Amino acid sequence: MDLHENLKGKTVVITGGKAVFYAVNLLYAYAKQGMNVAVLGRTLSKLEEVRDKINELGGNGLAVCDVVDKGQRYQCKESCKRYFRKS
């Protein structure tokens, strides 16, 4: 895959990052471009596996939130802003 410098450091947020096969492959493709990748879902332990792989591939991964809980969705947005702003 060609590296697209214009994507490096950009941020993408994906829900269902561990449960859907195509989403995982997309996340890994983003990671190889050096992007910030936030993975949202229901089970934090599964999301952390994906986050670790994102980091291994050269991305900047963040695993956050239970997307079913409205309060946590708001916190996810704020967590992403804070985390990627300092990265």
Protein backbone atom coordinates (compact mmCIF):
# COMPACT_ATOMS: atom_id res chain seq x y z
CA MET A 1 0.00 0.00 0.00
CA ASP A 2 1.32 3.42 -0.90
CA LEU A 3 1.84 5.85 1.92
CA HIS A 4 -0.31 8.95 1.59
CA GLU A 5 1.47 11.70 3.51
CA ASN A 6 -1.66 13.85 3.52
CA LEU A 7 -3.32 11.26 5.82
CA LYS A 8 -0.53 11.11 8.40
CA GLY A 9 -1.71 12.60 11.70
CA LYS A 10 -5.35 12.86 10.59
CA THR A 11 -7.98 11.35 12.87
CA VAL A 12 -10.63 8.76 12.11
CA VAL A 13 -13.23 7.39 14.55
CA ILE A 14 -14.84 4.01 13.87
CA THR A 15 -17.58 2.22 15.80
CA GLY A 16 -17.84 -1.55 15.80
CA GLY A 17 -14.10 -1.75 15.28
CA LYS A 18 -13.63 -5.29 16.51
CA ALA A 19 -16.91 -6.90 15.52
CA VAL A 20 -16.89 -6.25 11.79
CA PHE A 21 -14.21 -7.83 9.62
CA TYR A 22 -14.05 -5.06 7.02
CA ALA A 23 -13.85 -2.43 9.77
CA VAL A 24 -10.76 -4.08 11.28
CA ASN A 25 -9.02 -4.20 7.91
CA LEU A 26 -9.92 -0.58 7.27
CA LEU A 27 -8.54 0.41 10.67
CA TYR A 28 -5.28 -1.36 9.93
CA ALA A 29 -5.02 0.37 6.56
CA TYR A 30 -5.49 3.73 8.31
CA ALA A 31 -2.84 2.77 10.86
CA LYS A 32 -0.33 2.02 8.09
CA GLN A 33 -0.89 5.59 6.88
CA GLY A 34 0.14 6.92 10.30
CA MET A 35 -3.34 8.10 11.21
CA ASN A 36 -4.90 8.63 14.63
CA VAL A 37 -7.49 5.85 14.95
CA ALA A 38 -10.15 5.81 17.68
CA VAL A 39 -11.99 2.51 18.00
CA LEU A 40 -15.40 2.57 19.69
CA GLY A 41 -17.49 -0.43 20.62
CA ARG A 42 -19.04 -2.35 23.47
CA THR A 43 -16.22 -4.48 24.87
CA LEU A 44 -13.13 -2.56 25.92
CA SER A 45 -10.87 -5.63 26.07
CA LYS A 46 -11.58 -6.43 22.41
CA LEU A 47 -11.04 -2.82 21.41
CA GLU A 48 -7.71 -2.78 23.22
CA GLU A 49 -6.52 -5.69 21.06
CA VAL A 50 -7.30 -3.68 17.94
CA ARG A 51 -5.69 -0.55 19.43
CA ASP A 52 -2.48 -2.48 20.14
CA LYS A 53 -2.32 -3.72 16.54
CA ILE A 54 -2.97 -0.19 15.25
CA ASN A 55 0.01 1.03 17.28
CA GLU A 56 2.19 -1.83 16.00
CA LEU A 57 1.37 -0.87 12.40
CA GLY A 58 2.44 2.75 12.88
CA GLY A 59 -0.83 4.40 13.77
CA ASN A 60 -1.83 6.12 16.97
CA GLY A 61 -4.64 4.03 18.44
CA LEU A 62 -7.19 4.77 21.12
CA ALA A 63 -9.78 2.31 22.46
CA VAL A 64 -12.74 3.97 24.13
CA CYS A 65 -16.33 3.67 25.27
CA ASP A 66 -19.48 1.67 25.37
CA VAL A 67 -21.36 3.10 22.39
CA VAL A 68 -24.71 1.98 23.78
CA ASP A 69 -24.45 4.40 26.72
CA LYS A 70 -25.28 7.98 25.65
CA GLY A 71 -23.19 9.53 28.42
CA GLN A 72 -20.17 7.49 27.44
CA ARG A 73 -20.57 8.51 23.79
CA TYR A 74 -20.18 12.15 24.82
CA GLN A 75 -17.15 11.24 26.94
CA CYS A 76 -15.68 9.38 23.95
CA LYS A 77 -15.77 12.53 21.88
CA GLU A 78 -14.01 14.50 24.58
CA SER A 79 -11.48 11.71 25.21
CA CYS A 80 -10.59 11.59 21.51
CA LYS A 81 -10.11 15.35 21.37
CA ARG A 82 -7.83 15.37 24.42
CA TYR A 83 -5.83 12.26 23.48
CA PHE A 84 -5.12 13.14 19.88
CA ARG A 85 -4.48 16.81 20.62
CA LYS A 86 -1.55 15.86 22.87
CA SER A 87 -0.22 13.10 20.61
